[in-house]
Protein backbone atom coordinates (compact mmCIF):
# COMPACT_ATOMS: atom_id res chain seq x y z
CA MET A 1 -95.13 -153.87 84.08
CA THR A 2 -98.53 -152.17 83.92
CA ASP A 3 -101.41 -153.20 81.71
CA GLU A 4 -102.10 -150.71 78.88
CA SER A 5 -105.77 -150.62 79.85
CA GLU A 6 -104.71 -149.02 83.18
CA LEU A 7 -102.93 -146.10 81.47
CA SER A 8 -104.58 -142.71 81.07
CA PRO A 9 -105.16 -141.54 77.48
CA GLU A 10 -102.26 -139.10 77.81
CA GLU A 11 -99.91 -141.81 79.08
CA LEU A 12 -100.99 -144.16 76.31
CA VAL A 13 -100.35 -141.53 73.61
CA GLU A 14 -96.94 -140.78 75.17
CA LYS A 15 -96.04 -144.47 75.25
CA MET A 16 -97.15 -145.00 71.65
CA ALA A 17 -95.22 -141.96 70.43
CA ALA A 18 -92.06 -143.11 72.21
CA ALA A 19 -92.44 -146.61 70.77
CA ALA A 20 -92.97 -145.25 67.25
CA GLY A 21 -89.95 -142.98 67.55
CA GLU A 22 -91.98 -139.89 66.70
CA THR A 23 -90.08 -137.65 69.10
CA PRO A 24 -86.60 -136.90 67.77
CA PRO A 25 -83.71 -136.50 70.18
CA ALA A 26 -83.11 -132.99 71.48
CA THR A 27 -79.48 -132.73 70.41
CA LEU A 28 -77.37 -130.07 68.76
CA ASP A 29 -76.67 -132.45 65.87
CA PHE A 30 -80.37 -132.96 65.20
CA HIS A 31 -81.12 -129.23 65.40
CA ILE A 32 -78.29 -128.37 62.98
CA GLN A 33 -79.40 -131.08 60.57
CA THR A 34 -82.96 -129.72 60.70
CA LEU A 35 -81.74 -126.22 59.84
CA PHE A 36 -79.55 -127.71 57.10
CA THR A 37 -82.57 -129.42 55.55
CA GLN A 38 -84.58 -126.20 55.70
CA ALA A 39 -81.74 -124.31 54.03
CA LEU A 40 -81.54 -126.93 51.28
CA MET A 41 -85.28 -126.59 50.72
CA ALA A 42 -84.93 -122.80 50.46
CA LEU A 43 -82.11 -123.28 47.93
CA GLY A 44 -84.42 -125.45 45.84
CA ARG A 45 -82.23 -128.53 46.38
CA VAL A 46 -84.87 -130.47 48.34
CA PRO A 47 -88.51 -130.46 47.22
CA ASN A 48 -91.25 -129.16 49.48
CA PRO A 49 -92.55 -132.25 51.31
CA ILE A 50 -96.17 -131.17 50.83
CA THR A 51 -96.17 -130.24 47.13
CA GLY A 52 -93.20 -132.30 46.00
CA LYS A 53 -91.93 -129.26 44.07
CA PRO A 54 -88.71 -127.38 44.80
CA ILE A 55 -89.01 -123.76 45.91
CA ARG A 56 -86.11 -121.34 45.57
CA ASN A 57 -86.09 -118.62 48.22
CA LEU A 58 -82.59 -117.18 48.66
CA PRO A 59 -83.47 -114.75 51.49
CA SER A 60 -84.78 -117.68 53.54
CA ALA A 61 -81.73 -119.77 52.65
CA ARG A 62 -79.45 -116.93 53.79
CA HIS A 63 -81.39 -116.75 57.08
CA PHE A 64 -80.93 -120.47 57.77
CA ILE A 65 -77.22 -120.30 56.91
CA ASP A 66 -76.78 -117.26 59.19
CA THR A 67 -78.66 -119.06 61.98
CA ILE A 68 -76.34 -122.07 61.75
CA ALA A 69 -73.30 -119.76 61.74
CA MET A 70 -74.65 -117.93 64.80
CA LEU A 71 -75.11 -121.23 66.64
CA GLU A 72 -71.58 -122.24 65.69
CA GLU A 73 -70.23 -119.00 67.14
CA LYS A 74 -72.35 -119.16 70.31
CA THR A 75 -71.38 -122.76 71.10
CA VAL A 76 -67.60 -122.36 70.80
CA GLY A 77 -65.97 -124.25 73.66
CA ASN A 78 -69.14 -126.23 74.38
CA ARG A 79 -69.14 -128.64 71.43
CA SER A 80 -67.74 -132.08 70.82
CA GLN A 81 -65.29 -132.62 67.97
CA GLN A 82 -68.05 -134.34 66.02
CA GLU A 83 -70.38 -131.32 66.46
CA SER A 84 -67.63 -128.93 65.38
CA LYS A 85 -66.96 -131.03 62.28
CA LEU A 86 -70.70 -131.09 61.50
CA PHE A 87 -70.87 -127.28 61.69
CA GLU A 88 -67.81 -126.94 59.45
CA GLU A 89 -69.07 -129.37 56.80
CA ILE A 90 -72.65 -128.09 56.72
CA LEU A 91 -71.68 -124.43 56.57
CA HIS A 92 -69.17 -125.12 53.79
CA GLN A 93 -71.75 -127.02 51.72
CA LEU A 94 -74.47 -124.42 52.23
CA ARG A 95 -72.22 -121.46 51.47
CA MET A 96 -71.00 -123.10 48.26
CA GLN A 97 -74.53 -123.91 47.13
CA PHE A 98 -75.76 -120.44 48.07
CA THR A 99 -72.99 -118.86 45.98
CA LEU A 100 -73.93 -121.07 43.01
CA GLU A 101 -77.60 -120.17 43.36
CA GLN A 102 -76.82 -116.44 43.62
CA SER A 103 -74.97 -116.55 40.32
CA SER A 104 -77.76 -118.52 38.65
CA PRO A 105 -79.86 -116.58 36.12
CA VAL A 106 -83.10 -117.78 37.76
CA ALA A 107 -85.01 -115.19 39.80
CA PRO A 108 -83.88 -115.06 43.44
CA MET A 109 -87.30 -116.04 44.75
CA VAL A 110 -89.79 -118.47 43.31
CA VAL A 111 -93.03 -118.76 45.21
CA GLU A 112 -95.27 -121.80 45.00
CA GLY A 113 -98.15 -121.31 42.63
CA GLU A 114 -96.47 -118.68 40.42
CA ASP A 115 -96.23 -121.12 37.51
CA ASP A 116 -99.82 -122.22 38.07
CA ASP A 117 -101.05 -118.61 37.87
CA ALA A 118 -99.18 -118.03 34.61
CA ASP A 119 -100.79 -121.15 33.13
CA ASN A 120 -104.24 -119.96 34.16
CA GLU A 121 -103.77 -116.59 32.44
CA THR A 122 -103.19 -118.20 29.03
CA GLU A 123 -106.33 -120.36 29.21
């Protein structure tokens, strides 16, 4: 085992990142779950991690759902049963939520700061 003082700065950063678990695994499951989270954010179901406020952007949500569906189609025959089940469940959930959001009377796109601008106009 080598002493940490003998490691280059790059090696030390790499070792610390690996120990802290900062680098997620490069798996299909992780990628699909990342796209799922982004779709949920675009549907306004998960708040923006920076502002803490939900943002509803249906065109972006549709893009993420279509991307997951494309990956499902392109990976046919190359997935485990667990991965296939994940695709099925995630796409079902997202499509149902997208349909609910489409029928909602709220505008299809809410951009951060719109409410803030309206408040400023009345002052």
